[in-house]
Amino acid sequence: MKFGATFAVLSSLLSTALAVSFIVPGAVWTDTSGAKILAHGGHVIQVGSTFYWLGYGAAAGVIPNIYQSTDLMNWSHIGFATNQVSGMYRPKFVSSGGKWYIWGQVNREIVTLVAPGSTPASTAYTLTGSPALLPPDARSFSDMGVFVDDNGASYFLSSADSNNLQINNINAGTPITIGTRVADIGASIEAPGMLKANSTYFLVVSQKTGWSANPDKVYWAPAISGPWSGGTDIAPESTNTYNSQNSAELKITGSSATTYVFLGDIWDSTGSDASNYEWLPITVSKANQTLTLQDHAMWTVNLGTGVVVSSNFVNTTFNAADGIIGGSAVINKRAVHNITPSSNVTFTNVLGNALEKQWVAFEYTVNNRTAGEAHISVNGEPPIMLSALNSRAGHRSTVPVALALKEGPNTITFGVEAIDGGDFAAHLERIQVFDDY
């Protein structure tokens, strides 16, 4: 069975990027030029009113890649940080002595880059020092993270090859170095990130399952040195952290609320550039010493107040039963059941704005997500799988995707394809067309 559509069709549906109004977990995220954002295994920091996002793309040689934004939604591409290194996984920003550094894992050792000026936004980072192993016993490691405490002290988080996750001091200076080990957590875990809330330290990690998602875990301690307790789930266990893996945590301090954001990667089977991102707000329970992801299909955060907004976005709703039903699909109240490969639902008079893309959310469930996929066709174009536009397709009941609709009425057809002729059907509730992209 052949799935999907050509790259040309995907490009026509995505079109040129304009101002983004929502964070949409799982969706293909493009920068202000319209190119897909490649910042995996990354780190987001705030300097003044500007956010910087550091990560890597696989096809480009796993070189540190930098973007910047003032609203966490619209990201401009600064460029690759350097031409002096490749194969640098999970790069992280570190600041010391008025200088900005990038630390990353190369061949299971820490490699240090330094920026020429006083800003993290540079494409001229240079290598400094020599590749290093972890003190005090020269451990190599795989994943890494960085945490800055309220008092400015910085810590290096690593998944050491002893299968222990350890925390080391970062020695300030020029250049920076990894200092003494302050905690050694005896668990086979990786992808570390940390936040501090209510005077409690929370460590977010994943289990070691390669590119396959697993239930990320949360540990907590009253001090950075421990004792560390926990191992609770950050999301319902069955969701495998909504099919993502932790990369880092971001703190947004507003006038009314402090919001913590889980920055995760939705990896494909090989960790390629087809992977997407899972950014979700975190609920902190002081009483239970737990962190829980807020599962929003679309959301924003007011950077002034720190308040998360996740509902009441202006949209036009089309109930499935009001569409044109083809084949053996069955209407049940406002929904349409039993949408098989021989049936579909078509919505007409979907008004679009040719000046910008629009989010269109498909609310549907499937009988067996491994037996097939849902697809859409816009204005008679060849169908494209929803999973090519949002990694949550088939896993979550609301799947927003960015579409370039023409000005005036548009036609959108929802259908499905089965794998190797298997039994596959979808149940469609509605679609929602949002005014803003």
Protein backbone atom coordinates (compact mmCIF):
# COMPACT_ATOMS: atom_id res chain seq x y z
CA MET A 1 0.00 0.00 0.00
CA LYS A 2 1.40 3.41 -0.93
CA PHE A 3 0.74 6.22 1.52
CA GLY A 4 0.89 9.99 1.40
CA ALA A 5 1.23 12.61 -1.29
CA THR A 6 4.13 14.15 -3.12
CA PHE A 7 6.33 16.82 -1.58
CA ALA A 8 4.79 19.32 -4.00
CA VAL A 9 1.33 18.68 -2.58
CA LEU A 10 2.61 19.04 0.98
CA SER A 11 4.30 22.32 0.06
CA SER A 12 1.12 23.66 -1.51
CA LEU A 13 -0.87 22.86 1.61
CA LEU A 14 1.68 24.50 3.92
CA SER A 15 2.44 27.46 1.64
CA THR A 16 4.51 30.43 2.82
CA ALA A 17 4.77 31.01 6.55
CA LEU A 18 3.19 34.11 8.06
CA ALA A 19 2.47 35.14 11.63
CA VAL A 20 1.67 32.16 13.86
CA SER A 21 -0.96 32.65 16.58
CA PHE A 22 -0.89 29.28 18.36
CA ILE A 23 1.47 26.62 19.65
CA VAL A 24 0.21 23.34 18.18
CA PRO A 25 1.90 20.23 19.61
CA GLY A 26 2.79 17.69 16.94
CA ALA A 27 2.18 19.97 13.96
CA VAL A 28 4.82 20.70 11.36
CA TRP A 29 6.36 23.96 12.62
CA THR A 30 7.95 26.37 10.14
CA ASP A 31 10.12 29.42 10.67
CA THR A 32 9.32 32.90 9.36
CA SER A 33 10.77 32.00 5.95
CA GLY A 34 8.46 29.00 5.60
CA ALA A 35 11.19 26.36 6.15
CA LYS A 36 10.64 23.58 8.66
CA ILE A 37 12.25 24.28 12.03
CA LEU A 38 15.16 21.91 12.73
CA ALA A 39 16.03 22.26 16.42
CA HIS A 40 15.78 18.80 17.93
CA GLY A 41 17.26 17.72 21.25
CA GLY A 42 17.20 21.40 21.95
CA HIS A 43 17.11 24.14 24.52
CA VAL A 44 15.16 27.41 24.77
CA ILE A 45 16.41 30.35 26.83
CA GLN A 46 15.12 33.88 27.39
CA VAL A 47 17.47 36.86 27.27
CA GLY A 48 15.59 40.09 27.88
CA SER A 49 12.49 39.97 25.71
CA THR A 50 13.97 37.53 23.19
CA PHE A 51 13.86 33.74 23.21
CA TYR A 52 16.59 31.66 21.58
CA TRP A 53 15.97 28.08 20.47
CA LEU A 54 19.00 25.84 19.97
CA GLY A 55 18.85 22.34 18.51
CA TYR A 56 19.94 20.27 15.52
CA GLY A 57 18.73 18.81 12.26
CA ALA A 58 19.81 15.33 11.23
CA ALA A 59 20.30 15.82 7.49
CA ALA A 60 22.49 18.89 8.00
CA GLY A 61 25.08 16.87 9.90
CA VAL A 62 23.79 17.37 13.46
CA ILE A 63 25.23 20.89 13.71
CA PRO A 64 23.91 23.34 16.36
CA ASN A 65 21.13 25.41 14.79
CA ILE A 66 19.75 28.66 16.30
CA TYR A 67 16.39 30.42 16.01
CA GLN A 68 15.03 33.49 17.80
CA SER A 69 11.54 34.74 18.72
CA THR A 70 9.81 37.35 20.84
CA ASP A 71 6.55 35.39 21.31
CA LEU A 72 7.51 31.66 21.37
CA MET A 73 5.47 31.10 18.21
CA ASN A 74 7.16 32.95 15.35
CA TRP A 75 10.79 31.89 14.96
CA SER A 76 13.36 33.42 12.62
CA HIS A 77 16.34 31.32 11.61
CA ILE A 78 19.66 32.81 12.70
CA GLY A 79 21.62 29.96 11.17
CA PHE A 80 24.03 27.21 12.09
CA ALA A 81 26.12 28.21 15.08
CA THR A 82 29.43 26.99 13.66
CA ASN A 83 31.20 25.22 10.82
CA GLN A 84 33.78 23.68 13.17
CA VAL A 85 31.83 20.73 14.50
CA SER A 86 29.30 18.12 13.41
CA GLY A 87 27.61 15.21 15.13
CA MET A 88 26.80 17.40 18.17
CA TYR A 89 23.71 15.98 19.86
CA ARG A 90 21.44 17.73 22.38
CA PRO A 91 23.22 21.11 22.32
CA LYS A 92 22.56 23.48 25.23
CA PHE A 93 23.31 27.16 25.92
CA VAL A 94 25.45 28.14 28.90
CA SER A 95 26.44 31.67 29.98
CA SER A 96 29.49 32.62 32.04
CA GLY A 97 31.70 35.69 32.42
CA GLY A 98 29.76 37.68 29.83
CA LYS A 99 30.28 34.98 27.22
CA TRP A 100 27.85 32.54 25.64
CA TYR A 101 28.77 28.91 25.15
CA ILE A 102 27.17 25.91 23.48
CA TRP A 103 27.75 22.53 25.06
CA GLY A 104 26.89 19.36 23.22
CA GLN A 105 27.67 15.66 23.11
CA VAL A 106 30.08 14.53 20.40
CA ASN A 107 31.25 10.92 20.46
CA ARG A 108 29.94 10.63 24.03
CA GLU A 109 32.14 13.48 25.26
CA ILE A 110 31.34 17.12 26.04
CA VAL A 111 32.47 19.60 23.39
CA THR A 112 32.46 23.35 24.01
CA LEU A 113 31.79 26.20 21.57
CA VAL A 114 32.12 29.89 22.44
CA ALA A 115 30.41 32.86 20.77
CA PRO A 116 32.56 35.80 19.62
CA GLY A 117 30.34 38.43 21.26
CA SER A 118 27.93 38.90 24.14
CA THR A 119 24.82 37.42 22.50
CA PRO A 120 23.82 33.77 21.96
CA ALA A 121 22.70 34.71 18.44
CA SER A 122 25.81 33.99 16.40
CA THR A 123 26.88 31.88 13.45
CA ALA A 124 30.57 32.20 14.38
CA TYR A 125 30.90 30.01 17.49
CA THR A 126 34.38 28.51 17.73
CA LEU A 127 35.73 25.43 19.45
CA THR A 128 37.41 26.02 22.79
CA GLY A 129 39.17 23.56 25.06
CA SER A 130 39.33 19.83 24.47
CA PRO A 131 36.57 17.18 24.47
CA ALA A 132 35.96 16.12 28.07
CA LEU A 133 34.55 13.22 30.07
CA LEU A 134 32.55 13.56 33.27
CA PRO A 135 34.24 14.10 36.64
CA PRO A 136 35.13 12.54 38.95
CA ASP A 137 35.66 9.17 37.24
CA ALA A 138 35.83 10.06 33.53
CA ARG A 139 32.43 8.70 32.55
CA SER A 140 31.26 9.10 28.98
CA PHE A 141 27.58 9.92 28.45
CA SER A 142 24.75 10.13 25.94
CA ASP A 143 22.05 12.74 26.65
CA MET A 144 22.63 15.99 28.51
CA GLY A 145 20.90 19.05 29.90
CA VAL A 146 21.67 22.31 31.72
CA PHE A 147 19.90 23.87 34.70
CA VAL A 148 20.40 27.37 36.13
CA ASP A 149 19.27 27.83 39.76
CA ASP A 150 17.69 30.94 41.23
CA ASN A 151 21.04 32.07 42.65
CA GLY A 152 22.73 31.81 39.24
CA ALA A 153 24.55 28.54 39.94
CA SER A 154 24.55 26.25 36.90
CA TYR A 155 24.45 22.48 36.73
CA PHE A 156 25.21 19.88 34.07
CA LEU A 157 22.73 16.98 33.79
CA SER A 158 23.91 13.86 32.04
CA SER A 159 22.91 10.32 31.26
CA ALA A 160 26.22 8.67 32.02
CA ASP A 161 27.23 5.45 30.34
CA SER A 162 27.25 3.80 33.75
CA ASN A 163 23.44 3.93 33.27
CA ASN A 164 23.23 6.44 36.11
CA LEU A 165 21.93 9.94 35.65
CA GLN A 166 24.28 12.36 37.36
CA ILE A 167 24.37 16.08 38.16
CA ASN A 168 27.61 18.08 38.17
CA ASN A 169 28.44 21.65 39.09
CA ILE A 170 29.38 23.93 36.23
CA ASN A 171 32.52 25.89 37.03
CA ALA A 172 32.11 29.51 36.02
CA GLY A 173 35.00 31.09 34.22
CA THR A 174 36.42 31.47 30.75
CA PRO A 175 36.06 28.88 29.44
CA ILE A 176 33.51 27.05 31.55
CA THR A 177 34.21 23.53 32.75
CA ILE A 178 32.33 20.65 34.35
CA GLY A 179 32.92 20.56 38.10
CA THR A 180 32.26 18.20 40.96
CA ARG A 181 29.48 15.64 40.91
CA VAL A 182 26.73 16.63 43.35
CA ALA A 183 24.19 13.85 42.71
CA ASP A 184 24.20 10.36 41.22
CA ILE A 185 20.76 8.89 40.58
CA GLY A 186 20.91 5.13 40.24
CA ALA A 187 18.49 4.64 37.38
CA SER A 188 18.78 3.83 33.67
CA ILE A 189 17.30 7.08 32.39
CA GLU A 190 18.13 9.78 29.84
CA ALA A 191 16.91 13.03 28.19
CA PRO A 192 17.26 15.07 31.40
CA GLY A 193 15.65 18.44 32.04
CA MET A 194 15.05 20.29 35.27
CA LEU A 195 12.90 23.00 36.82
CA LYS A 196 12.52 24.45 40.29
CA ALA A 197 9.09 25.29 41.72
CA ASN A 198 7.98 25.95 45.29
CA SER A 199 11.60 25.46 46.46
CA THR A 200 11.52 21.91 45.07
CA TYR A 201 13.75 20.60 42.29
CA PHE A 202 12.06 18.48 39.63
CA LEU A 203 13.99 16.31 37.21
CA VAL A 204 12.22 15.19 34.00
CA VAL A 205 13.70 12.19 32.21
CA SER A 206 12.81 9.42 29.80
CA GLN A 207 13.61 5.75 29.80
CA LYS A 208 16.12 4.33 27.34
CA THR A 209 14.15 2.98 24.36
CA GLY A 210 15.98 4.50 21.40
CA TRP A 211 13.77 6.59 19.09
CA SER A 212 10.59 4.94 20.43
CA ALA A 213 8.63 7.03 22.91
CA ASN A 214 8.05 5.87 26.48
CA PRO A 215 6.43 7.27 29.64
CA ASP A 216 8.72 10.10 30.78
CA LYS A 217 9.30 10.16 34.53
CA VAL A 218 9.57 12.87 37.20
CA TYR A 219 11.90 12.83 40.21
CA TRP A 220 11.99 15.49 42.93
CA ALA A 221 14.32 16.62 45.70
CA PRO A 222 14.46 19.39 48.34
CA ALA A 223 18.02 20.21 47.22
CA ILE A 224 20.01 19.78 44.04
CA SER A 225 22.14 17.17 45.80
CA GLY A 226 19.08 15.16 46.84
CA PRO A 227 17.84 12.94 48.19
CA TRP A 228 15.96 12.29 44.95
CA SER A 229 12.56 10.54 45.07
CA GLY A 230 9.77 9.75 42.65
CA GLY A 231 9.72 8.19 39.25
CA THR A 232 6.10 9.26 38.62
CA ASP A 233 4.60 9.71 35.16
CA ILE A 234 4.43 13.20 33.69
CA ALA A 235 1.56 12.12 31.40
CA PRO A 236 -0.83 9.13 31.32
CA GLU A 237 1.37 6.06 30.94
CA SER A 238 -0.56 4.73 27.93
CA THR A 239 0.24 7.86 25.89
CA ASN A 240 4.03 7.41 26.08
CA THR A 241 4.30 11.13 26.95
CA TYR A 242 2.04 11.88 23.99
CA ASN A 243 4.59 10.03 21.83
CA SER A 244 7.41 12.41 22.74
CA GLN A 245 10.67 12.59 24.66
CA ASN A 246 11.82 15.36 26.96
CA SER A 247 14.45 17.78 25.72
CA ALA A 248 14.33 20.68 28.21
CA GLU A 249 12.04 22.76 30.41
CA LEU A 250 11.33 26.50 30.06
CA LYS A 251 10.21 28.86 32.83
CA ILE A 252 8.03 31.87 31.97
CA THR A 253 7.59 34.33 34.82
CA GLY A 254 4.59 36.61 34.40
CA SER A 255 2.78 39.16 36.51
CA SER A 256 -0.06 36.74 37.37
CA ALA A 257 1.43 33.27 36.98
CA THR A 258 4.64 31.34 36.45
CA THR A 259 4.30 28.84 33.63
CA TYR A 260 6.66 25.93 33.05
CA VAL A 261 6.80 24.44 29.57
CA PHE A 262 7.79 20.91 28.58
CA LEU A 263 9.88 21.06 25.40
CA GLY A 264 9.80 17.64 23.79
CA ASP A 265 10.62 15.91 20.52
CA ILE A 266 8.21 13.64 18.66
CA TRP A 267 10.75 11.39 16.99
CA ASP A 268 10.07 9.29 13.93
CA SER A 269 11.56 5.80 13.80
CA THR A 270 15.08 7.05 12.96
CA GLY A 271 15.21 10.50 14.56
CA SER A 272 15.16 12.15 11.14
CA ASP A 273 14.10 15.68 10.19
CA ALA A 274 10.56 14.36 9.73
CA SER A 275 10.32 14.44 13.55
CA ASN A 276 8.20 17.17 15.16
CA TYR A 277 7.84 18.92 18.53
CA GLU A 278 5.62 18.50 21.58
CA TRP A 279 5.46 21.70 23.65
CA LEU A 280 2.99 21.63 26.52
CA PRO A 281 2.44 23.61 29.76
CA ILE A 282 3.18 21.80 33.02
CA THR A 283 0.99 21.65 36.13
CA VAL A 284 3.02 21.59 39.36
CA SER A 285 1.49 19.88 42.40
CA LYS A 286 3.19 21.09 45.57
CA ALA A 287 1.15 18.68 47.72
CA ASN A 288 2.01 15.58 45.69
CA GLN A 289 5.45 16.66 44.43
CA THR A 290 4.46 15.84 40.85
CA LEU A 291 4.48 17.42 37.41
CA THR A 292 1.68 16.80 34.90
CA LEU A 293 1.49 17.86 31.27
CA GLN A 294 -1.58 19.85 30.21
CA ASP A 295 -2.76 18.11 27.06
CA HIS A 296 -3.86 20.95 24.75
CA ALA A 297 -4.31 20.56 21.01
CA MET A 298 -3.69 24.32 20.60
CA TRP A 299 -2.54 26.86 23.14
CA THR A 300 -0.78 30.15 23.78
CA VAL A 301 0.78 31.83 26.78
CA ASN A 302 0.59 35.53 27.59
CA LEU A 303 4.22 36.41 28.16
CA GLY A 304 3.26 39.44 30.23
CA THR A 305 0.95 37.66 32.68
CA GLY A 306 2.30 34.11 32.32
CA VAL A 307 -1.26 32.81 31.87
CA VAL A 308 -1.91 29.89 29.49
CA VAL A 309 -4.87 30.20 27.10
CA SER A 310 -6.17 26.99 25.54
CA SER A 311 -9.83 27.49 24.63
CA ASN A 312 -12.43 29.83 23.13
CA PHE A 313 -10.38 30.53 20.02
CA VAL A 314 -12.51 32.04 17.26
CA ASN A 315 -13.48 29.40 14.73
CA THR A 316 -16.17 28.18 12.38
CA THR A 317 -17.44 24.68 13.19
CA PHE A 318 -18.66 22.18 10.58
CA ASN A 319 -20.34 19.12 12.11
CA ALA A 320 -19.55 15.96 10.20
CA ALA A 321 -23.22 15.16 9.63
CA ASP A 322 -23.60 18.45 7.73
CA GLY A 323 -21.05 17.38 5.13
CA ILE A 324 -21.63 15.42 1.95
CA ILE A 325 -21.45 11.75 2.90
CA GLY A 326 -19.97 9.35 0.38
CA GLY A 327 -20.00 5.53 0.41
CA SER A 328 -21.07 3.45 3.39
CA ALA A 329 -20.43 6.00 6.13
CA VAL A 330 -23.30 6.39 8.61
CA ILE A 331 -24.65 9.55 10.25
CA ASN A 332 -25.19 9.39 14.00
CA LYS A 333 -26.53 12.67 15.37
CA ARG A 334 -23.87 15.27 14.46
CA ALA A 335 -21.11 12.76 13.75
CA VAL A 336 -20.33 10.33 10.94
CA HIS A 337 -19.37 6.72 11.74
CA ASN A 338 -17.82 3.92 9.71
CA ILE A 339 -15.71 6.04 7.37
CA THR A 340 -13.82 3.31 5.50
CA PRO A 341 -11.52 3.44 2.44
CA SER A 342 -14.64 3.31 0.26
CA SER A 343 -16.32 6.32 1.91
CA ASN A 344 -15.61 9.92 2.87
CA VAL A 345 -17.06 13.20 4.12
CA THR A 346 -16.78 16.41 2.09
CA PHE A 347 -17.19 19.90 3.49
CA THR A 348 -18.00 22.70 1.07
CA ASN A 349 -18.09 26.47 1.51
CA VAL A 350 -15.14 26.45 3.91
CA LEU A 351 -14.19 30.10 3.71
CA GLY A 352 -10.48 30.83 3.48
CA ASN A 353 -8.12 33.77 3.49
CA ALA A 354 -5.55 33.68 0.71
CA LEU A 355 -3.28 36.04 2.66
CA GLU A 356 -2.34 33.51 5.34
CA LYS A 357 -2.50 29.89 6.34
CA GLN A 358 -5.26 28.76 8.67
CA TRP A 359 -5.49 26.06 11.33
CA VAL A 360 -8.12 23.46 10.60
CA ALA A 361 -8.76 21.01 13.47
CA PHE A 362 -10.10 17.54 12.66
CA GLU A 363 -11.88 15.85 15.56
CA TYR A 364 -11.96 12.12 14.92
CA THR A 365 -11.09 8.70 16.34
CA VAL A 366 -10.09 5.45 14.62
CA ASN A 367 -10.83 1.81 15.38
CA ASN A 368 -7.17 0.75 15.14
CA ARG A 369 -4.44 3.35 14.68
CA THR A 370 -1.95 0.76 13.40
CA ALA A 371 -4.31 -0.45 10.65
CA GLY A 372 -4.42 2.72 8.55
CA GLU A 373 -4.47 6.51 8.42
CA ALA A 374 -6.81 9.40 7.82
CA HIS A 375 -6.14 11.79 4.96
CA ILE A 376 -7.54 15.01 3.55
CA SER A 377 -7.90 16.56 0.14
CA VAL A 378 -8.21 20.33 -0.32
CA ASN A 379 -9.97 21.65 -3.42
CA GLY A 380 -9.52 18.40 -5.33
CA GLU A 381 -5.76 18.12 -4.77
CA PRO A 382 -4.33 14.62 -4.24
CA PRO A 383 -4.93 13.42 -0.66
CA ILE A 384 -2.26 13.85 2.00
CA MET A 385 -2.05 11.94 5.26
CA LEU A 386 -2.89 13.98 8.34
CA SER A 387 0.16 12.45 10.02
CA ALA A 388 2.35 14.30 7.49
CA LEU A 389 0.97 17.55 8.90
CA ASN A 390 0.64 16.64 12.58
CA SER A 391 2.31 13.71 14.36
CA ARG A 392 -0.68 13.43 16.72
CA ALA A 393 -2.90 12.14 13.90
CA GLY A 394 -4.46 8.84 14.94
CA HIS A 395 -3.23 9.24 18.51
CA ARG A 396 -5.28 12.17 19.82
CA SER A 397 -8.91 13.05 19.11
CA THR A 398 -8.24 16.65 17.98
CA VAL A 399 -5.66 17.15 15.24
CA PRO A 400 -5.06 20.76 14.05
CA VAL A 401 -3.17 21.18 10.78
CA ALA A 402 -2.03 24.30 8.93
CA LEU A 403 -3.61 24.68 5.49
CA ALA A 404 -3.28 27.31 2.81
CA LEU A 405 -6.90 27.85 1.83
CA LYS A 406 -7.78 30.01 -1.15
CA GLU A 407 -9.79 33.18 -0.68
CA GLY A 408 -13.49 32.45 -0.67
CA PRO A 409 -15.13 28.99 -0.52
CA ASN A 410 -12.97 25.86 -0.29
CA THR A 411 -13.75 22.14 -0.33
CA ILE A 412 -12.14 19.76 2.16
CA THR A 413 -12.64 15.99 1.92
CA PHE A 414 -11.85 13.65 4.83
CA GLY A 415 -11.16 10.00 4.09
CA VAL A 416 -9.03 7.06 5.19
CA GLU A 417 -6.67 4.42 3.79
CA ALA A 418 -6.05 0.99 5.26
CA ILE A 419 -2.73 -0.81 5.47
CA ASP A 420 -2.61 -3.89 3.25
CA GLY A 421 -6.38 -4.08 2.99
CA GLY A 422 -6.90 -4.31 6.74
CA ASP A 423 -10.02 -3.40 8.71
CA PHE A 424 -9.80 0.33 9.28
CA ALA A 425 -12.48 2.93 9.93
CA ALA A 426 -12.76 6.43 11.39
CA HIS A 427 -15.42 8.24 13.37
CA LEU A 428 -15.51 11.97 12.52
CA GLU A 429 -17.18 14.45 14.86
CA ARG A 430 -16.44 17.80 13.23
CA ILE A 431 -13.87 20.13 11.77
CA GLN A 432 -13.09 23.60 13.07
CA VAL A 433 -11.61 26.34 10.90
CA PHE A 434 -9.78 29.01 12.90
CA ASP A 435 -9.61 32.63 11.86
CA ASP A 436 -5.92 33.01 12.74
CA TYR A 437 -2.88 30.99 11.90
